[in-house]
Amino acid sequence: VQLVESGGGLVQPGGSLRLSCAASGFIFSIYTMSWYRQAPGKERELVARLNSNSGSTEYLDSVKGRFAISRDNTENTVYLQMNSLKPEDTAVYYCQGGPLHSWGQGTQVTVSS
């Protein structure tokens, strides 16, 4: 099982980024996938989750209306579109999912002017 995130970087407040997480080693389409983040000195928190069966989503309250999780089962990839970014969104973002609840290595998102 492998999860590889990409798409992080430095962006100004109000900007956008799209994170990608490429999955391999398991049947991607049947597993719920999630994005978490961890800011310095803080606990890791769930940002968004996409249920594989129902297609339902859940979001951290502070990102509702700004972030959107989606997936492409043909590409074994889950995405996190992040709009209207704020400095408080600065964190390492991690992809999580699969039969072993695996984690990716993380991708840094920094929102700063």
Protein backbone atom coordinates (compact mmCIF):
# COMPACT_ATOMS: atom_id res chain seq x y z
CA VAL A 1 0.00 0.00 0.00
CA GLN A 2 1.36 3.38 -0.95
CA LEU A 3 -0.09 6.88 -0.81
CA VAL A 4 1.84 9.74 -2.38
CA GLU A 5 0.70 13.32 -1.94
CA SER A 6 1.63 16.22 -4.17
CA GLY A 7 0.52 19.75 -4.92
CA GLY A 8 1.54 21.59 -1.80
CA GLY A 9 3.44 24.84 -1.81
CA LEU A 10 3.48 28.49 -0.85
CA VAL A 11 0.40 30.52 -1.69
CA GLN A 12 -0.85 33.97 -0.75
CA PRO A 13 -3.96 34.41 1.38
CA GLY A 14 -7.04 34.08 -0.79
CA GLY A 15 -5.25 31.80 -3.21
CA SER A 16 -5.96 28.22 -4.24
CA LEU A 17 -4.16 24.92 -4.35
CA ARG A 18 -5.15 21.44 -5.40
CA LEU A 19 -3.60 18.54 -3.56
CA SER A 20 -3.40 15.09 -5.10
CA CYS A 21 -2.89 11.71 -3.50
CA ALA A 22 -1.98 8.82 -5.76
CA ALA A 23 -2.80 5.42 -4.28
CA SER A 24 -1.43 2.01 -5.15
CA GLY A 25 -1.36 -1.49 -3.74
CA PHE A 26 -5.04 -1.85 -2.94
CA ILE A 27 -8.47 -1.68 -4.58
CA PHE A 28 -8.79 2.09 -4.35
CA SER A 29 -12.44 2.39 -5.36
CA ILE A 30 -13.86 0.52 -2.38
CA TYR A 31 -12.17 2.51 0.37
CA THR A 32 -13.11 5.75 2.03
CA MET A 33 -10.33 8.29 1.63
CA SER A 34 -9.50 11.21 3.86
CA TRP A 35 -7.31 14.27 4.10
CA TYR A 36 -5.83 15.32 7.43
CA ARG A 37 -3.54 18.16 8.38
CA GLN A 38 -1.13 18.93 11.16
CA ALA A 39 0.12 22.40 12.00
CA PRO A 40 3.23 22.97 14.13
CA GLY A 41 2.50 22.31 17.77
CA LYS A 42 -1.01 21.04 17.06
CA GLU A 43 -2.64 17.66 16.79
CA ARG A 44 -3.44 16.11 13.45
CA GLU A 45 -7.03 16.86 12.45
CA LEU A 46 -9.45 15.52 9.88
CA VAL A 47 -9.98 18.02 7.07
CA ALA A 48 -12.19 16.09 4.66
CA ARG A 49 -13.47 12.57 4.07
CA LEU A 50 -15.12 10.99 1.07
CA ASN A 51 -17.12 7.82 1.66
CA SER A 52 -16.53 5.22 -1.03
CA ASN A 53 -20.00 3.64 -0.79
CA SER A 54 -22.35 6.57 -0.41
CA GLY A 55 -20.24 9.29 -1.95
CA SER A 56 -21.00 11.41 1.09
CA THR A 57 -18.46 13.90 2.34
CA GLU A 58 -17.62 15.46 5.65
CA TYR A 59 -15.50 18.51 6.34
CA LEU A 60 -13.81 20.29 9.18
CA ASP A 61 -16.06 23.22 10.06
CA SER A 62 -13.38 25.79 9.36
CA VAL A 63 -12.93 24.63 5.74
CA LYS A 64 -16.58 24.14 4.77
CA GLY A 65 -17.41 26.08 1.65
CA ARG A 66 -13.73 26.55 0.80
CA PHE A 67 -12.35 23.01 0.38
CA ALA A 68 -13.68 20.17 -1.71
CA ILE A 69 -12.63 16.52 -1.71
CA SER A 70 -13.05 14.39 -4.81
CA ARG A 71 -11.71 11.20 -6.29
CA ASP A 72 -10.97 9.63 -9.65
CA ASN A 73 -11.25 5.86 -9.33
CA THR A 74 -9.83 5.37 -12.83
CA GLU A 75 -6.65 7.16 -11.74
CA ASN A 76 -6.63 5.84 -8.16
CA THR A 77 -6.31 9.41 -6.97
CA VAL A 78 -8.04 11.53 -4.37
CA TYR A 79 -7.94 15.32 -4.55
CA LEU A 80 -8.39 18.23 -2.19
CA GLN A 81 -9.28 21.49 -3.87
CA MET A 82 -8.52 24.34 -1.49
CA ASN A 83 -9.84 27.81 -2.24
CA SER A 84 -9.82 31.08 -0.33
CA LEU A 85 -6.84 29.89 1.65
CA LYS A 86 -6.05 31.49 4.97
CA PRO A 87 -2.84 31.64 6.99
CA GLU A 88 -4.43 29.29 9.51
CA ASP A 89 -4.63 26.63 6.80
CA THR A 90 -0.85 26.37 6.93
CA ALA A 91 0.03 22.77 7.80
CA VAL A 92 1.36 19.51 6.48
CA TYR A 93 -1.49 17.77 4.68
CA TYR A 94 -1.75 14.00 4.73
CA CYS A 95 -3.76 11.54 2.71
CA GLN A 96 -5.19 8.55 4.59
CA GLY A 97 -7.05 5.42 3.57
CA GLY A 98 -6.92 1.86 2.34
CA PRO A 99 -7.27 -1.49 4.13
CA LEU A 100 -4.50 -0.67 6.60
CA HIS A 101 -5.59 2.93 7.17
CA SER A 102 -2.28 3.96 5.67
CA TRP A 103 -0.78 7.45 5.59
CA GLY A 104 1.10 9.30 2.93
CA GLN A 105 4.29 11.21 3.62
CA GLY A 106 2.53 14.56 3.66
CA THR A 107 2.79 17.72 1.62
CA GLN A 108 3.47 21.17 3.07
CA VAL A 109 0.97 23.94 2.49
CA THR A 110 2.04 27.42 3.53
CA VAL A 111 -0.33 30.37 3.25
CA SER A 112 1.52 33.62 3.67
CA SER A 113 1.95 36.99 2.05
